[in-house]
Amino acid sequence: MRLEFNFKQSGVVPYRKNNGKLEILLITSIKKKKWIIPKGYIEFNLTPFESAKKEAFEEAGIIGSNETFELGTIELKKGMGVTHMKIFSMEIIKILEDYPDKEMRKRKWFSTEEASAKVSIPEIPGMIASLQTKVR
């Protein structure tokens, strides 16, 4: 008999408008240094978006607006289980110089096309594309 666990995570696609163009902020993963979005396990006392927003602060040093769109859900099969992840949009309103993961991660702005090509989770490029149609 094999045990399987279900995990719940949430994340954000952080963005800003710069000279009329949408830009996406990606961060590196700690171990493999792949470009990813801020994400993490949903804390029991927070909504999925509130939890994702907290992860964005800790991992990327960003504070975002509370206005959001749910961009979709992802199912990732890992090791002993399945991770169900809700992904939200988050317009950045403040970028901090100091934040908890500063020494462990890089952060970088990308055009939507570059971010779609760099991000390691295959479902994220479609979510970035849908974000482009929702943000004016």
C-alpha atoms as a PDB file:
ATOM      1  CA  MET A   1       0.000   0.000   0.000  1.00  0.00           C
ATOM      2  CA  ARG A   2       1.297   3.423  -0.955  1.00  0.00           C
ATOM      3  CA  LEU A   3       0.288   6.520   0.971  1.00  0.00           C
ATOM      4  CA  GLU A   4      -0.489   9.633  -1.029  1.00  0.00           C
ATOM      5  CA  PHE A   5      -0.848  13.094   0.425  1.00  0.00           C
ATOM      6  CA  ASN A   6      -2.624  16.141  -0.912  1.00  0.00           C
ATOM      7  CA  PHE A   7      -0.999  19.508  -0.347  1.00  0.00           C
ATOM      8  CA  LYS A   8      -2.554  22.927  -0.899  1.00  0.00           C
ATOM      9  CA  GLN A   9      -0.450  25.826  -2.087  1.00  0.00           C
ATOM     10  CA  SER A  10      -1.082  29.245  -3.562  1.00  0.00           C
ATOM     11  CA  GLY A  11       1.049  31.673  -5.508  1.00  0.00           C
ATOM     12  CA  VAL A  12       0.999  34.978  -7.312  1.00  0.00           C
ATOM     13  CA  VAL A  13       2.097  36.256 -10.684  1.00  0.00           C
ATOM     14  CA  PRO A  14       3.476  39.641  -9.566  1.00  0.00           C
ATOM     15  CA  TYR A  15       3.245  42.387 -12.167  1.00  0.00           C
ATOM     16  CA  ARG A  16       3.610  46.095 -12.811  1.00  0.00           C
ATOM     17  CA  LYS A  17       2.896  48.394 -15.708  1.00  0.00           C
ATOM     18  CA  ASN A  18       5.995  50.176 -16.999  1.00  0.00           C
ATOM     19  CA  ASN A  19       5.577  52.662 -19.862  1.00  0.00           C
ATOM     20  CA  GLY A  20       2.314  50.981 -20.832  1.00  0.00           C
ATOM     21  CA  LYS A  21       3.866  47.499 -20.915  1.00  0.00           C
ATOM     22  CA  LEU A  22       3.138  44.687 -18.491  1.00  0.00           C
ATOM     23  CA  GLU A  23       6.203  43.340 -16.654  1.00  0.00           C
ATOM     24  CA  ILE A  24       6.389  40.183 -14.522  1.00  0.00           C
ATOM     25  CA  LEU A  25       8.641  39.744 -11.496  1.00  0.00           C
ATOM     26  CA  LEU A  26      10.174  36.288 -11.166  1.00  0.00           C
ATOM     27  CA  ILE A  27      12.358  34.935  -8.377  1.00  0.00           C
ATOM     28  CA  THR A  28      14.812  32.059  -8.273  1.00  0.00           C
ATOM     29  CA  SER A  29      14.141  28.841  -6.392  1.00  0.00           C
ATOM     30  CA  ILE A  30      16.519  28.279  -3.489  1.00  0.00           C
ATOM     31  CA  LYS A  31      18.092  24.954  -4.489  1.00  0.00           C
ATOM     32  CA  LYS A  32      18.013  24.713  -8.280  1.00  0.00           C
ATOM     33  CA  LYS A  33      17.972  28.468  -9.039  1.00  0.00           C
ATOM     34  CA  LYS A  34      15.129  28.076 -11.564  1.00  0.00           C
ATOM     35  CA  TRP A  35      12.912  31.078 -12.310  1.00  0.00           C
ATOM     36  CA  ILE A  36       9.620  30.709 -10.461  1.00  0.00           C
ATOM     37  CA  ILE A  37       6.741  32.756  -9.067  1.00  0.00           C
ATOM     38  CA  PRO A  38       6.339  33.349  -5.323  1.00  0.00           C
ATOM     39  CA  LYS A  39       4.320  30.480  -3.865  1.00  0.00           C
ATOM     40  CA  GLY A  40       3.942  28.361  -0.759  1.00  0.00           C
ATOM     41  CA  TYR A  41       1.670  26.294   1.436  1.00  0.00           C
ATOM     42  CA  ILE A  42      -1.627  27.896   2.420  1.00  0.00           C
ATOM     43  CA  GLU A  43      -1.533  28.842   6.079  1.00  0.00           C
ATOM     44  CA  PHE A  44      -4.526  27.610   8.073  1.00  0.00           C
ATOM     45  CA  ASN A  45      -5.610  31.081   9.210  1.00  0.00           C
ATOM     46  CA  LEU A  46      -5.273  32.805   5.815  1.00  0.00           C
ATOM     47  CA  THR A  47      -7.195  32.707   2.548  1.00  0.00           C
ATOM     48  CA  PRO A  48      -5.260  31.302  -0.420  1.00  0.00           C
ATOM     49  CA  PHE A  49      -4.641  34.849  -1.741  1.00  0.00           C
ATOM     50  CA  GLU A  50      -3.569  36.209   1.667  1.00  0.00           C
ATOM     51  CA  SER A  51      -1.169  33.306   2.048  1.00  0.00           C
ATOM     52  CA  ALA A  52       0.269  33.861  -1.457  1.00  0.00           C
ATOM     53  CA  LYS A  53       0.646  37.565  -0.733  1.00  0.00           C
ATOM     54  CA  LYS A  54       2.589  36.719   2.454  1.00  0.00           C
ATOM     55  CA  GLU A  55       4.870  34.390   0.453  1.00  0.00           C
ATOM     56  CA  ALA A  56       5.477  37.197  -2.066  1.00  0.00           C
ATOM     57  CA  PHE A  57       6.646  39.448   0.770  1.00  0.00           C
ATOM     58  CA  GLU A  58       8.916  36.760   2.263  1.00  0.00           C
ATOM     59  CA  GLU A  59      10.369  35.401  -0.991  1.00  0.00           C
ATOM     60  CA  ALA A  60      10.475  38.490  -3.227  1.00  0.00           C
ATOM     61  CA  GLY A  61      10.214  41.488  -0.901  1.00  0.00           C
ATOM     62  CA  ILE A  62       7.110  42.837  -2.580  1.00  0.00           C
ATOM     63  CA  ILE A  63       3.827  44.199  -1.318  1.00  0.00           C
ATOM     64  CA  GLY A  64       0.842  43.982  -3.615  1.00  0.00           C
ATOM     65  CA  SER A  65      -2.618  45.324  -4.095  1.00  0.00           C
ATOM     66  CA  ASN A  66      -5.584  43.407  -2.667  1.00  0.00           C
ATOM     67  CA  GLU A  67      -7.341  43.534  -6.045  1.00  0.00           C
ATOM     68  CA  THR A  68      -6.713  40.203  -7.726  1.00  0.00           C
ATOM     69  CA  PHE A  69      -7.841  37.738 -10.360  1.00  0.00           C
ATOM     70  CA  GLU A  70      -7.621  33.995  -9.866  1.00  0.00           C
ATOM     71  CA  LEU A  71      -5.579  32.968 -12.893  1.00  0.00           C
ATOM     72  CA  GLY A  72      -6.070  29.230 -12.490  1.00  0.00           C
ATOM     73  CA  THR A  73      -5.120  26.085 -10.644  1.00  0.00           C
ATOM     74  CA  ILE A  74      -2.244  23.683 -11.115  1.00  0.00           C
ATOM     75  CA  GLU A  75      -1.805  20.081 -10.015  1.00  0.00           C
ATOM     76  CA  LEU A  76       1.783  18.963  -9.495  1.00  0.00           C
ATOM     77  CA  LYS A  77       2.632  15.347  -8.735  1.00  0.00           C
ATOM     78  CA  LYS A  78       5.628  15.255  -6.412  1.00  0.00           C
ATOM     79  CA  GLY A  79       7.141  12.420  -4.432  1.00  0.00           C
ATOM     80  CA  MET A  80       4.465  11.168  -2.066  1.00  0.00           C
ATOM     81  CA  GLY A  81       1.532  13.211  -3.244  1.00  0.00           C
ATOM     82  CA  VAL A  82      -0.201  15.824  -5.278  1.00  0.00           C
ATOM     83  CA  THR A  83       0.091  19.563  -4.760  1.00  0.00           C
ATOM     84  CA  HIS A  84      -2.982  21.607  -5.680  1.00  0.00           C
ATOM     85  CA  MET A  85      -1.958  25.211  -6.311  1.00  0.00           C
ATOM     86  CA  LYS A  86      -4.179  28.275  -6.841  1.00  0.00           C
ATOM     87  CA  ILE A  87      -2.505  31.088  -8.748  1.00  0.00           C
ATOM     88  CA  PHE A  88      -3.540  34.741  -8.455  1.00  0.00           C
ATOM     89  CA  SER A  89      -2.529  38.007 -10.060  1.00  0.00           C
ATOM     90  CA  MET A  90      -0.899  40.634  -7.846  1.00  0.00           C
ATOM     91  CA  GLU A  91      -0.101  44.173  -8.885  1.00  0.00           C
ATOM     92  CA  ILE A  92       2.972  45.316  -6.994  1.00  0.00           C
ATOM     93  CA  ILE A  93       2.581  48.547  -5.050  1.00  0.00           C
ATOM     94  CA  LYS A  94       5.881  48.506  -3.132  1.00  0.00           C
ATOM     95  CA  ILE A  95       9.291  46.854  -3.569  1.00  0.00           C
ATOM     96  CA  LEU A  96      11.327  46.429  -0.391  1.00  0.00           C
ATOM     97  CA  GLU A  97      15.117  46.441  -0.171  1.00  0.00           C
ATOM     98  CA  ASP A  98      15.156  44.152   2.862  1.00  0.00           C
ATOM     99  CA  TYR A  99      13.089  40.954   3.122  1.00  0.00           C
ATOM    100  CA  PRO A 100      13.435  37.468   4.665  1.00  0.00           C
ATOM    101  CA  ASP A 101      14.742  35.534   1.597  1.00  0.00           C
ATOM    102  CA  LYS A 102      16.971  38.324   0.215  1.00  0.00           C
ATOM    103  CA  GLU A 103      20.202  36.342   0.625  1.00  0.00           C
ATOM    104  CA  MET A 104      18.759  33.119  -0.854  1.00  0.00           C
ATOM    105  CA  ARG A 105      16.984  34.300  -4.015  1.00  0.00           C
ATOM    106  CA  LYS A 106      17.387  36.643  -6.952  1.00  0.00           C
ATOM    107  CA  ARG A 107      14.494  38.665  -8.307  1.00  0.00           C
ATOM    108  CA  LYS A 108      14.225  40.143 -11.777  1.00  0.00           C
ATOM    109  CA  TRP A 109      11.686  41.915 -13.987  1.00  0.00           C
ATOM    110  CA  PHE A 110      10.834  40.327 -17.334  1.00  0.00           C
ATOM    111  CA  SER A 111       8.588  41.209 -20.241  1.00  0.00           C
ATOM    112  CA  THR A 112       5.586  38.882 -20.423  1.00  0.00           C
ATOM    113  CA  GLU A 113       7.228  36.999 -23.308  1.00  0.00           C
ATOM    114  CA  GLU A 114      10.536  36.581 -21.446  1.00  0.00           C
ATOM    115  CA  ALA A 115       8.782  35.516 -18.220  1.00  0.00           C
ATOM    116  CA  SER A 116       6.731  32.938 -20.133  1.00  0.00           C
ATOM    117  CA  ALA A 117       9.913  31.489 -21.631  1.00  0.00           C
ATOM    118  CA  LYS A 118      11.864  31.477 -18.323  1.00  0.00           C
ATOM    119  CA  VAL A 119       9.335  30.206 -15.767  1.00  0.00           C
ATOM    120  CA  SER A 120       9.726  26.520 -14.963  1.00  0.00           C
ATOM    121  CA  ILE A 121       6.093  25.471 -14.311  1.00  0.00           C
ATOM    122  CA  PRO A 122       4.483  24.744 -17.724  1.00  0.00           C
ATOM    123  CA  GLU A 123       1.015  26.119 -16.836  1.00  0.00           C
ATOM    124  CA  ILE A 124       2.282  29.590 -15.851  1.00  0.00           C
ATOM    125  CA  PRO A 125       2.843  31.009 -19.391  1.00  0.00           C
ATOM    126  CA  GLY A 126      -0.875  30.571 -20.157  1.00  0.00           C
ATOM    127  CA  MET A 127      -1.718  32.377 -16.939  1.00  0.00           C
ATOM    128  CA  ILE A 128       0.616  35.243 -17.867  1.00  0.00           C
ATOM    129  CA  ALA A 129      -1.117  35.446 -21.254  1.00  0.00           C
ATOM    130  CA  SER A 130      -4.533  35.572 -19.581  1.00  0.00           C
ATOM    131  CA  LEU A 131      -3.257  38.287 -17.238  1.00  0.00           C
ATOM    132  CA  GLN A 132      -2.406  40.445 -20.242  1.00  0.00           C
ATOM    133  CA  THR A 133      -6.052  40.417 -21.315  1.00  0.00           C
ATOM    134  CA  LYS A 134      -7.325  41.258 -17.791  1.00  0.00           C
ATOM    135  CA  VAL A 135      -4.987  44.140 -16.913  1.00  0.00           C
ATOM    136  CA  ARG A 136      -5.609  47.412 -18.675  1.00  0.00           C
END
